[in-house]
Amino acid sequence: LKATENTSSNTSTLRNHNAPATDINSLDMQLQQQIPPLRFDAHVYATTVSQRWVKVNGKTLQEGQWVTADIRIKEITPQYVLMELGTQLFSMAALTEWPAG
């Protein structure tokens, strides 16, 4: 993550990132209202899937685990976390929070 910080210092560029899912800030308002506050305090990416984890809302979770009853972590990438809410796939940049604060 440190190595990529200098490639884009513009926050608005981060919001229009190249993650393979819709950025949480770009979801329609109805979907955004279904997403509870999310705070990512740690983000560990490894090439081995079983070694990837994030700490969100005080819980340490891996790919496939549930953040809430409705939101599941689909994939942890080097710079983003991809999550599912029903059939909607969305992403959040590493170590961010929702709503942005």
PDB file of N, CA and C in Angstrom:
ATOM      1  N   LEU A   1       0.830  -1.191   0.000  1.00  0.00           N
ATOM      2  CA  LEU A   1       0.000   0.000   0.000  1.00  0.00           C
ATOM      3  C   LEU A   1       0.873   1.253   0.000  1.00  0.00           C
ATOM      4  N   LYS A   2       1.931   1.251   0.793  1.00  0.00           N
ATOM      5  CA  LYS A   2       2.813   2.411   0.844  1.00  0.00           C
ATOM      6  C   LYS A   2       3.370   2.731  -0.538  1.00  0.00           C
ATOM      7  N   ALA A   3       3.730   1.718  -1.291  1.00  0.00           N
ATOM      8  CA  ALA A   3       4.338   1.926  -2.609  1.00  0.00           C
ATOM      9  C   ALA A   3       3.383   2.587  -3.580  1.00  0.00           C
ATOM     10  N   THR A   4       2.106   2.396  -3.396  1.00  0.00           N
ATOM     11  CA  THR A   4       1.135   2.955  -4.331  1.00  0.00           C
ATOM     12  C   THR A   4       0.561   4.286  -3.886  1.00  0.00           C
ATOM     13  N   GLU A   5       0.868   4.707  -2.649  1.00  0.00           N
ATOM     14  CA  GLU A   5       0.295   5.958  -2.153  1.00  0.00           C
ATOM     15  C   GLU A   5       0.689   7.163  -3.008  1.00  0.00           C
ATOM     16  N   ASN A   6       1.907   7.195  -3.489  1.00  0.00           N
ATOM     17  CA  ASN A   6       2.382   8.356  -4.228  1.00  0.00           C
ATOM     18  C   ASN A   6       1.877   8.420  -5.665  1.00  0.00           C
ATOM     19  N   THR A   7       1.301   7.334  -6.167  1.00  0.00           N
ATOM     20  CA  THR A   7       0.844   7.339  -7.550  1.00  0.00           C
ATOM     21  C   THR A   7      -0.418   8.167  -7.737  1.00  0.00           C
ATOM     22  N   SER A   8      -1.178   8.359  -6.668  1.00  0.00           N
ATOM     23  CA  SER A   8      -2.389   9.150  -6.784  1.00  0.00           C
ATOM     24  C   SER A   8      -2.673   9.839  -5.461  1.00  0.00           C
ATOM     25  N   SER A   9      -2.316  11.103  -5.379  1.00  0.00           N
ATOM     26  CA  SER A   9      -2.561  11.824  -4.140  1.00  0.00           C
ATOM     27  C   SER A   9      -3.887  12.571  -4.176  1.00  0.00           C
ATOM     28  N   ASN A  10      -4.573  12.514  -5.287  1.00  0.00           N
ATOM     29  CA  ASN A  10      -5.843  13.204  -5.451  1.00  0.00           C
ATOM     30  C   ASN A  10      -6.985  12.319  -4.958  1.00  0.00           C
ATOM     31  N   THR A  11      -7.710  12.747  -3.924  1.00  0.00           N
ATOM     32  CA  THR A  11      -8.784  11.953  -3.331  1.00  0.00           C
ATOM     33  C   THR A  11      -9.898  11.662  -4.333  1.00  0.00           C
ATOM     34  N   SER A  12     -10.208  12.604  -5.206  1.00  0.00           N
ATOM     35  CA  SER A  12     -11.286  12.359  -6.162  1.00  0.00           C
ATOM     36  C   SER A  12     -10.915  11.249  -7.138  1.00  0.00           C
ATOM     37  N   THR A  13      -9.636  11.067  -7.408  1.00  0.00           N
ATOM     38  CA  THR A  13      -9.199   9.969  -8.263  1.00  0.00           C
ATOM     39  C   THR A  13      -9.492   8.641  -7.586  1.00  0.00           C
ATOM     40  N   LEU A  14      -9.293   8.570  -6.272  1.00  0.00           N
ATOM     41  CA  LEU A  14      -9.583   7.349  -5.547  1.00  0.00           C
ATOM     42  C   LEU A  14     -11.058   6.974  -5.656  1.00  0.00           C
ATOM     43  N   ARG A  15     -11.914   7.939  -5.633  1.00  0.00           N
ATOM     44  CA  ARG A  15     -13.339   7.653  -5.702  1.00  0.00           C
ATOM     45  C   ARG A  15     -13.751   7.097  -7.065  1.00  0.00           C
ATOM     46  N   ASN A  16     -12.999   7.383  -8.086  1.00  0.00           N
ATOM     47  CA  ASN A  16     -13.266   6.850  -9.425  1.00  0.00           C
ATOM     48  C   ASN A  16     -12.195   5.825  -9.774  1.00  0.00           C
ATOM     49  N   HIS A  17     -12.002   4.876  -8.867  1.00  0.00           N
ATOM     50  CA  HIS A  17     -10.917   3.916  -9.013  1.00  0.00           C
ATOM     51  C   HIS A  17     -11.215   2.845 -10.050  1.00  0.00           C
ATOM     52  N   ASN A  18     -10.251   1.973 -10.240  1.00  0.00           N
ATOM     53  CA  ASN A  18     -10.371   0.910 -11.227  1.00  0.00           C
ATOM     54  C   ASN A  18     -10.677  -0.448 -10.602  1.00  0.00           C
ATOM     55  N   ALA A  19     -11.263  -0.471  -9.427  1.00  0.00           N
ATOM     56  CA  ALA A  19     -11.636  -1.741  -8.805  1.00  0.00           C
ATOM     57  C   ALA A  19     -12.696  -2.418  -9.685  1.00  0.00           C
ATOM     58  N   PRO A  20     -12.731  -3.747  -9.670  1.00  0.00           N
ATOM     59  CA  PRO A  20     -13.686  -4.470 -10.514  1.00  0.00           C
ATOM     60  C   PRO A  20     -15.101  -4.495  -9.936  1.00  0.00           C
ATOM     61  N   ALA A  21     -15.506  -3.412  -9.319  1.00  0.00           N
ATOM     62  CA  ALA A  21     -16.857  -3.298  -8.758  1.00  0.00           C
ATOM     63  C   ALA A  21     -17.172  -1.827  -8.596  1.00  0.00           C
ATOM     64  N   THR A  22     -18.441  -1.516  -8.431  1.00  0.00           N
ATOM     65  CA  THR A  22     -18.889  -0.138  -8.261  1.00  0.00           C
ATOM     66  C   THR A  22     -18.417   0.411  -6.919  1.00  0.00           C
ATOM     67  N   ASP A  23     -17.811   1.567  -6.931  1.00  0.00           N
ATOM     68  CA  ASP A  23     -17.394   2.216  -5.684  1.00  0.00           C
ATOM     69  C   ASP A  23     -18.628   2.492  -4.837  1.00  0.00           C
ATOM     70  N   ILE A  24     -18.520   2.310  -3.549  1.00  0.00           N
ATOM     71  CA  ILE A  24     -19.646   2.503  -2.626  1.00  0.00           C
ATOM     72  C   ILE A  24     -20.279   3.889  -2.790  1.00  0.00           C
ATOM     73  N   ASN A  25     -19.445   4.900  -3.077  1.00  0.00           N
ATOM     74  CA  ASN A  25     -19.951   6.263  -3.248  1.00  0.00           C
ATOM     75  C   ASN A  25     -20.738   6.451  -4.540  1.00  0.00           C
ATOM     76  N   SER A  26     -20.624   5.495  -5.464  1.00  0.00           N
ATOM     77  CA  SER A  26     -21.316   5.592  -6.749  1.00  0.00           C
ATOM     78  C   SER A  26     -22.589   4.753  -6.810  1.00  0.00           C
ATOM     79  N   LEU A  27     -22.877   4.011  -5.749  1.00  0.00           N
ATOM     80  CA  LEU A  27     -24.111   3.216  -5.721  1.00  0.00           C
ATOM     81  C   LEU A  27     -25.320   4.146  -5.679  1.00  0.00           C
ATOM     82  N   ASP A  28     -26.465   3.652  -6.144  1.00  0.00           N
ATOM     83  CA  ASP A  28     -27.638   4.517  -6.066  1.00  0.00           C
ATOM     84  C   ASP A  28     -28.039   4.708  -4.609  1.00  0.00           C
ATOM     85  N   MET A  29     -28.710   5.800  -4.358  1.00  0.00           N
ATOM     86  CA  MET A  29     -29.021   6.225  -2.988  1.00  0.00           C
ATOM     87  C   MET A  29     -29.771   5.155  -2.205  1.00  0.00           C
ATOM     88  N   GLN A  30     -30.664   4.423  -2.843  1.00  0.00           N
ATOM     89  CA  GLN A  30     -31.435   3.385  -2.155  1.00  0.00           C
ATOM     90  C   GLN A  30     -30.505   2.300  -1.601  1.00  0.00           C
ATOM     91  N   LEU A  31     -29.508   1.906  -2.381  1.00  0.00           N
ATOM     92  CA  LEU A  31     -28.547   0.907  -1.906  1.00  0.00           C
ATOM     93  C   LEU A  31     -27.658   1.482  -0.810  1.00  0.00           C
ATOM     94  N   GLN A  32     -27.202   2.715  -0.991  1.00  0.00           N
ATOM     95  CA  GLN A  32     -26.348   3.344   0.018  1.00  0.00           C
ATOM     96  C   GLN A  32     -27.039   3.382   1.379  1.00  0.00           C
ATOM     97  N   GLN A  33     -28.341   3.615   1.375  1.00  0.00           N
ATOM     98  CA  GLN A  33     -29.089   3.700   2.633  1.00  0.00           C
ATOM     99  C   GLN A  33     -29.199   2.347   3.334  1.00  0.00           C
ATOM    100  N   GLN A  34     -28.968   1.250   2.605  1.00  0.00           N
ATOM    101  CA  GLN A  34     -29.028  -0.087   3.200  1.00  0.00           C
ATOM    102  C   GLN A  34     -27.703  -0.491   3.845  1.00  0.00           C
ATOM    103  N   ILE A  35     -26.656   0.281   3.612  1.00  0.00           N
ATOM    104  CA  ILE A  35     -25.334  -0.064   4.111  1.00  0.00           C
ATOM    105  C   ILE A  35     -25.079   0.649   5.438  1.00  0.00           C
ATOM    106  N   PRO A  36     -24.832  -0.124   6.497  1.00  0.00           N
ATOM    107  CA  PRO A  36     -24.575   0.485   7.805  1.00  0.00           C
ATOM    108  C   PRO A  36     -23.173   1.098   7.835  1.00  0.00           C
ATOM    109  N   PRO A  37     -22.850   1.851   8.872  1.00  0.00           N
ATOM    110  CA  PRO A  37     -21.492   2.397   8.974  1.00  0.00           C
ATOM    111  C   PRO A  37     -20.455   1.272   8.938  1.00  0.00           C
ATOM    112  N   LEU A  38     -19.404   1.478   8.163  1.00  0.00           N
ATOM    113  CA  LEU A  38     -18.305   0.515   8.045  1.00  0.00           C
ATOM    114  C   LEU A  38     -16.996   1.259   8.289  1.00  0.00           C
ATOM    115  N   ARG A  39     -16.181   0.723   9.174  1.00  0.00           N
ATOM    116  CA  ARG A  39     -14.885   1.350   9.443  1.00  0.00           C
ATOM    117  C   ARG A  39     -13.800   0.280   9.339  1.00  0.00           C
ATOM    118  N   PHE A  40     -12.892   0.467   8.375  1.00  0.00           N
ATOM    119  CA  PHE A  40     -11.787  -0.465   8.173  1.00  0.00           C
ATOM    120  C   PHE A  40     -10.551   0.058   8.889  1.00  0.00           C
ATOM    121  N   ASP A  41     -10.085  -0.683   9.905  1.00  0.00           N
ATOM    122  CA  ASP A  41      -8.930  -0.273  10.703  1.00  0.00           C
ATOM    123  C   ASP A  41      -7.655  -1.009  10.322  1.00  0.00           C
ATOM    124  N   ALA A  42      -7.770  -2.132   9.631  1.00  0.00           N
ATOM    125  CA  ALA A  42      -6.589  -2.887   9.199  1.00  0.00           C
ATOM    126  C   ALA A  42      -6.909  -3.543   7.865  1.00  0.00           C
ATOM    127  N   HIS A  43      -5.877  -3.709   7.042  1.00  0.00           N
ATOM    128  CA  HIS A  43      -6.051  -4.292   5.707  1.00  0.00           C
ATOM    129  C   HIS A  43      -4.780  -5.064   5.383  1.00  0.00           C
ATOM    130  N   VAL A  44      -4.890  -6.381   5.313  1.00  0.00           N
ATOM    131  CA  VAL A  44      -3.731  -7.211   4.991  1.00  0.00           C
ATOM    132  C   VAL A  44      -4.025  -7.989   3.724  1.00  0.00           C
ATOM    133  N   TYR A  45      -3.214  -7.719   2.698  1.00  0.00           N
ATOM    134  CA  TYR A  45      -3.333  -8.454   1.448  1.00  0.00           C
ATOM    135  C   TYR A  45      -2.129  -9.381   1.328  1.00  0.00           C
ATOM    136  N   ALA A  46      -2.368 -10.611   0.934  1.00  0.00           N
ATOM    137  CA  ALA A  46      -1.300 -11.572   0.676  1.00  0.00           C
ATOM    138  C   ALA A  46      -1.664 -12.330  -0.589  1.00  0.00           C
ATOM    139  N   THR A  47      -0.670 -12.876  -1.272  1.00  0.00           N
ATOM    140  CA  THR A  47      -0.965 -13.644  -2.487  1.00  0.00           C
ATOM    141  C   THR A  47      -1.723 -14.920  -2.134  1.00  0.00           C
ATOM    142  N   THR A  48      -1.522 -15.444  -0.941  1.00  0.00           N
ATOM    143  CA  THR A  48      -2.265 -16.610  -0.466  1.00  0.00           C
ATOM    144  C   THR A  48      -3.585 -16.130   0.134  1.00  0.00           C
ATOM    145  N   VAL A  49      -4.697 -16.571  -0.454  1.00  0.00           N
ATOM    146  CA  VAL A  49      -6.024 -16.094  -0.056  1.00  0.00           C
ATOM    147  C   VAL A  49      -6.274 -16.267   1.440  1.00  0.00           C
ATOM    148  N   SER A  50      -5.868 -17.380   2.018  1.00  0.00           N
ATOM    149  CA  SER A  50      -6.142 -17.650   3.432  1.00  0.00           C
ATOM    150  C   SER A  50      -5.405 -16.701   4.374  1.00  0.00           C
ATOM    151  N   GLN A  51      -4.431 -15.954   3.852  1.00  0.00           N
ATOM    152  CA  GLN A  51      -3.684 -15.011   4.688  1.00  0.00           C
ATOM    153  C   GLN A  51      -4.196 -13.576   4.557  1.00  0.00           C
ATOM    154  N   ARG A  52      -5.204 -13.341   3.726  1.00  0.00           N
ATOM    155  CA  ARG A  52      -5.797 -12.008   3.579  1.00  0.00           C
ATOM    156  C   ARG A  52      -6.825 -11.781   4.676  1.00  0.00           C
ATOM    157  N   TRP A  53      -6.831 -10.569   5.240  1.00  0.00           N
ATOM    158  CA  TRP A  53      -7.849 -10.240   6.239  1.00  0.00           C
ATOM    159  C   TRP A  53      -7.975  -8.733   6.374  1.00  0.00           C
ATOM    160  N   VAL A  54      -9.129  -8.334   6.893  1.00  0.00           N
ATOM    161  CA  VAL A  54      -9.385  -6.924   7.203  1.00  0.00           C
ATOM    162  C   VAL A  54      -9.996  -6.855   8.592  1.00  0.00           C
ATOM    163  N   LYS A  55      -9.827  -5.713   9.218  1.00  0.00           N
ATOM    164  CA  LYS A  55     -10.517  -5.467  10.494  1.00  0.00           C
ATOM    165  C   LYS A  55     -11.545  -4.394  10.217  1.00  0.00           C
ATOM    166  N   VAL A  56     -12.825  -4.767  10.313  1.00  0.00           N
ATOM    167  CA  VAL A  56     -13.924  -3.853  10.030  1.00  0.00           C
ATOM    168  C   VAL A  56     -14.882  -3.851  11.211  1.00  0.00           C
ATOM    169  N   ASN A  57     -15.215  -2.651  11.676  1.00  0.00           N
ATOM    170  CA  ASN A  57     -16.107  -2.493  12.826  1.00  0.00           C
ATOM    171  C   ASN A  57     -15.652  -3.342  14.016  1.00  0.00           C
ATOM    172  N   GLY A  58     -14.324  -3.427  14.196  1.00  0.00           N
ATOM    173  CA  GLY A  58     -13.778  -4.151  15.332  1.00  0.00           C
ATOM    174  C   GLY A  58     -13.665  -5.652  15.155  1.00  0.00           C
ATOM    175  N   LYS A  59     -14.106  -6.192  14.005  1.00  0.00           N
ATOM    176  CA  LYS A  59     -14.053  -7.634  13.767  1.00  0.00           C
ATOM    177  C   LYS A  59     -12.995  -7.948  12.712  1.00  0.00           C
ATOM    178  N   THR A  60     -12.205  -8.983  12.946  1.00  0.00           N
ATOM    179  CA  THR A  60     -11.230  -9.446  11.973  1.00  0.00           C
ATOM    180  C   THR A  60     -11.913 -10.470  11.073  1.00  0.00           C
ATOM    181  N   LEU A  61     -11.934 -10.184   9.768  1.00  0.00           N
ATOM    182  CA  LEU A  61     -12.663 -11.021   8.819  1.00  0.00           C
ATOM    183  C   LEU A  61     -11.813 -11.368   7.603  1.00  0.00           C
ATOM    184  N   GLN A  62     -12.117 -12.521   7.004  1.00  0.00           N
ATOM    185  CA  GLN A  62     -11.455 -12.953   5.784  1.00  0.00           C
ATOM    186  C   GLN A  62     -12.475 -13.027   4.649  1.00  0.00           C
ATOM    187  N   GLU A  63     -11.972 -13.289   3.443  1.00  0.00           N
ATOM    188  CA  GLU A  63     -12.854 -13.407   2.285  1.00  0.00           C
ATOM    189  C   GLU A  63     -13.906 -14.477   2.542  1.00  0.00           C
ATOM    190  N   GLY A  64     -15.146 -14.170   2.155  1.00  0.00           N
ATOM    191  CA  GLY A  64     -16.253 -15.102   2.325  1.00  0.00           C
ATOM    192  C   GLY A  64     -17.003 -14.928   3.643  1.00  0.00           C
ATOM    193  N   GLN A  65     -16.440 -14.175   4.573  1.00  0.00           N
ATOM    194  CA  GLN A  65     -17.111 -13.978   5.852  1.00  0.00           C
ATOM    195  C   GLN A  65     -18.044 -12.771   5.786  1.00  0.00           C
ATOM    196  N   TRP A  66     -18.957 -12.707   6.752  1.00  0.00           N
ATOM    197  CA  TRP A  66     -20.014 -11.702   6.768  1.00  0.00           C
ATOM    198  C   TRP A  66     -19.659 -10.537   7.685  1.00  0.00           C
ATOM    199  N   VAL A  67     -19.734  -9.327   7.133  1.00  0.00           N
ATOM    200  CA  VAL A  67     -19.541  -8.105   7.917  1.00  0.00           C
ATOM    201  C   VAL A  67     -20.796  -7.858   8.748  1.00  0.00           C
ATOM    202  N   THR A  68     -21.952  -8.006   8.095  1.00  0.00           N
ATOM    203  CA  THR A  68     -23.256  -7.909   8.744  1.00  0.00           C
ATOM    204  C   THR A  68     -24.079  -9.082   8.221  1.00  0.00           C
ATOM    205  N   ALA A  69     -25.312  -9.170   8.643  1.00  0.00           N
ATOM    206  CA  ALA A  69     -26.183 -10.244   8.153  1.00  0.00           C
ATOM    207  C   ALA A  69     -26.415 -10.146   6.645  1.00  0.00           C
ATOM    208  N   ASP A  70     -26.234  -8.951   6.064  1.00  0.00           N
ATOM    209  CA  ASP A  70     -26.520  -8.734   4.650  1.00  0.00           C
ATOM    210  C   ASP A  70     -25.293  -8.476   3.776  1.00  0.00           C
ATOM    211  N   ILE A  71     -24.137  -8.193   4.381  1.00  0.00           N
ATOM    212  CA  ILE A  71     -22.954  -7.802   3.611  1.00  0.00           C
ATOM    213  C   ILE A  71     -21.826  -8.812   3.834  1.00  0.00           C
ATOM    214  N   ARG A  72     -21.339  -9.364   2.715  1.00  0.00           N
ATOM    215  CA  ARG A  72     -20.289 -10.382   2.752  1.00  0.00           C
ATOM    216  C   ARG A  72     -19.048  -9.869   2.043  1.00  0.00           C
ATOM    217  N   ILE A  73     -17.874 -10.197   2.570  1.00  0.00           N
ATOM    218  CA  ILE A  73     -16.623  -9.839   1.909  1.00  0.00           C
ATOM    219  C   ILE A  73     -16.386 -10.828   0.775  1.00  0.00           C
ATOM    220  N   LYS A  74     -16.372 -10.315  -0.436  1.00  0.00           N
ATOM    221  CA  LYS A  74     -16.171 -11.138  -1.627  1.00  0.00           C
ATOM    222  C   LYS A  74     -14.683 -11.347  -1.884  1.00  0.00           C
ATOM    223  N   GLU A  75     -13.912 -10.250  -1.843  1.00  0.00           N
ATOM    224  CA  GLU A  75     -12.488 -10.351  -2.145  1.00  0.00           C
ATOM    225  C   GLU A  75     -11.730  -9.197  -1.494  1.00  0.00           C
ATOM    226  N   ILE A  76     -10.515  -9.485  -1.041  1.00  0.00           N
ATOM    227  CA  ILE A  76      -9.613  -8.466  -0.523  1.00  0.00           C
ATOM    228  C   ILE A  76      -8.498  -8.317  -1.545  1.00  0.00           C
ATOM    229  N   THR A  77      -8.377  -7.135  -2.122  1.00  0.00           N
ATOM    230  CA  THR A  77      -7.345  -6.865  -3.120  1.00  0.00           C
ATOM    231  C   THR A  77      -6.287  -5.974  -2.468  1.00  0.00           C
ATOM    232  N   PRO A  78      -5.180  -5.695  -3.162  1.00  0.00           N
ATOM    233  CA  PRO A  78      -4.151  -4.861  -2.531  1.00  0.00           C
ATOM    234  C   PRO A  78      -4.650  -3.485  -2.091  1.00  0.00           C
ATOM    235  N   GLN A  79      -5.607  -2.898  -2.816  1.00  0.00           N
ATOM    236  CA  GLN A  79      -6.043  -1.539  -2.497  1.00  0.00           C
ATOM    237  C   GLN A  79      -7.521  -1.399  -2.164  1.00  0.00           C
ATOM    238  N   TYR A  80      -8.299  -2.461  -2.338  1.00  0.00           N
ATOM    239  CA  TYR A  80      -9.750  -2.382  -2.146  1.00  0.00           C
ATOM    240  C   TYR A  80     -10.292  -3.615  -1.454  1.00  0.00           C
ATOM    241  N   VAL A  81     -11.497  -3.463  -0.912  1.00  0.00           N
ATOM    242  CA  VAL A  81     -12.263  -4.594  -0.398  1.00  0.00           C
ATOM    243  C   VAL A  81     -13.531  -4.652  -1.231  1.00  0.00           C
ATOM    244  N   LEU A  82     -13.781  -5.795  -1.844  1.00  0.00           N
ATOM    245  CA  LEU A  82     -14.991  -5.992  -2.638  1.00  0.00           C
ATOM    246  C   LEU A  82     -16.003  -6.713  -1.763  1.00  0.00           C
ATOM    247  N   MET A  83     -17.219  -6.159  -1.707  1.00  0.00           N
ATOM    248  CA  MET A  83     -18.265  -6.715  -0.864  1.00  0.00           C
ATOM    249  C   MET A  83     -19.538  -6.929  -1.663  1.00  0.00           C
ATOM    250  N   GLU A  84     -20.382  -7.795  -1.147  1.00  0.00           N
ATOM    251  CA  GLU A  84     -21.676  -8.084  -1.772  1.00  0.00           C
ATOM    252  C   GLU A  84     -22.801  -7.730  -0.811  1.00  0.00           C
ATOM    253  N   LEU A  85     -23.788  -7.062  -1.368  1.00  0.00           N
ATOM    254  CA  LEU A  85     -25.043  -6.802  -0.663  1.00  0.00           C
ATOM    255  C   LEU A  85     -26.108  -7.389  -1.575  1.00  0.00           C
ATOM    256  N   GLY A  86     -26.602  -8.570  -1.232  1.00  0.00           N
ATOM    257  CA  GLY A  86     -27.490  -9.281  -2.147  1.00  0.00           C
ATOM    258  C   GLY A  86     -26.694  -9.650  -3.395  1.00  0.00           C
ATOM    259  N   THR A  87     -27.199  -9.210  -4.554  1.00  0.00           N
ATOM    260  CA  THR A  87     -26.489  -9.486  -5.801  1.00  0.00           C
ATOM    261  C   THR A  87     -25.609  -8.317  -6.238  1.00  0.00           C
ATOM    262  N   GLN A  88     -25.625  -7.228  -5.481  1.00  0.00           N
ATOM    263  CA  GLN A  88     -24.840  -6.032  -5.830  1.00  0.00           C
ATOM    264  C   GLN A  88     -23.410  -6.156  -5.286  1.00  0.00           C
ATOM    265  N   LEU A  89     -22.446  -6.075  -6.183  1.00  0.00           N
ATOM    266  CA  LEU A  89     -21.043  -6.069  -5.808  1.00  0.00           C
ATOM    267  C   LEU A  89     -20.586  -4.625  -5.718  1.00  0.00           C
ATOM    268  N   PHE A  90     -19.910  -4.269  -4.628  1.00  0.00           N
ATOM    269  CA  PHE A  90     -19.394  -2.908  -4.495  1.00  0.00           C
ATOM    270  C   PHE A  90     -18.040  -2.940  -3.815  1.00  0.00           C
ATOM    271  N   SER A  91     -17.326  -1.827  -3.902  1.00  0.00           N
ATOM    272  CA  SER A  91     -15.981  -1.790  -3.338  1.00  0.00           C
ATOM    273  C   SER A  91     -15.778  -0.574  -2.455  1.00  0.00           C
ATOM    274  N   MET A  92     -14.807  -0.727  -1.554  1.00  0.00           N
ATOM    275  CA  MET A  92     -14.339   0.380  -0.727  1.00  0.00           C
ATOM    276  C   MET A  92     -12.819   0.353  -0.768  1.00  0.00           C
ATOM    277  N   ALA A  93     -12.220   1.535  -0.826  1.00  0.00           N
ATOM    278  CA  ALA A  93     -10.768   1.618  -0.785  1.00  0.00           C
ATOM    279  C   ALA A  93     -10.286   1.142   0.586  1.00  0.00           C
ATOM    280  N   ALA A  94      -9.083   0.588   0.615  1.00  0.00           N
ATOM    281  CA  ALA A  94      -8.502   0.090   1.857  1.00  0.00           C
ATOM    282  C   ALA A  94      -8.441   1.192   2.916  1.00  0.00           C
ATOM    283  N   LEU A  95      -8.693   0.804   4.139  1.00  0.00           N
ATOM    284  CA  LEU A  95      -8.560   1.673   5.313  1.00  0.00           C
ATOM    285  C   LEU A  95      -9.394   2.944   5.241  1.00  0.00           C
ATOM    286  N   THR A  96     -10.609   2.798   4.719  1.00  0.00           N
ATOM    287  CA  THR A  96     -11.534   3.930   4.681  1.00  0.00           C
ATOM    288  C   THR A  96     -12.734   3.597   5.569  1.00  0.00           C
ATOM    289  N   GLU A  97     -13.679   4.528   5.618  1.00  0.00           N
ATOM    290  CA  GLU A  97     -14.894   4.271   6.381  1.00  0.00           C
ATOM    291  C   GLU A  97     -16.111   4.765   5.609  1.00  0.00           C
ATOM    292  N   TRP A  98     -17.247   4.206   5.949  1.00  0.00           N
ATOM    293  CA  TRP A  98     -18.517   4.568   5.332  1.00  0.00           C
ATOM    294  C   TRP A  98     -19.505   4.877   6.440  1.00  0.00           C
ATOM    295  N   PRO A  99     -20.261   5.928   6.371  1.00  0.00           N
ATOM    296  CA  PRO A  99     -20.048   6.992   5.380  1.00  0.00           C
ATOM    297  C   PRO A  99     -18.730   7.708   5.656  1.00  0.00           C
ATOM    298  N   ALA A 100     -18.162   8.297   4.622  1.00  0.00           N
ATOM    299  CA  ALA A 100     -16.873   8.964   4.757  1.00  0.00           C
ATOM    300  C   ALA A 100     -16.963  10.020   5.848  1.00  0.00           C
ATOM    301  N   GLY A 101     -15.978  10.054   6.716  1.00  0.00           N
ATOM    302  CA  GLY A 101     -16.063  10.969   7.825  1.00  0.00           C
ATOM    303  C   GLY A 101     -14.885  11.856   8.012  1.00  0.00           C
TER     304      GLY A 101
END
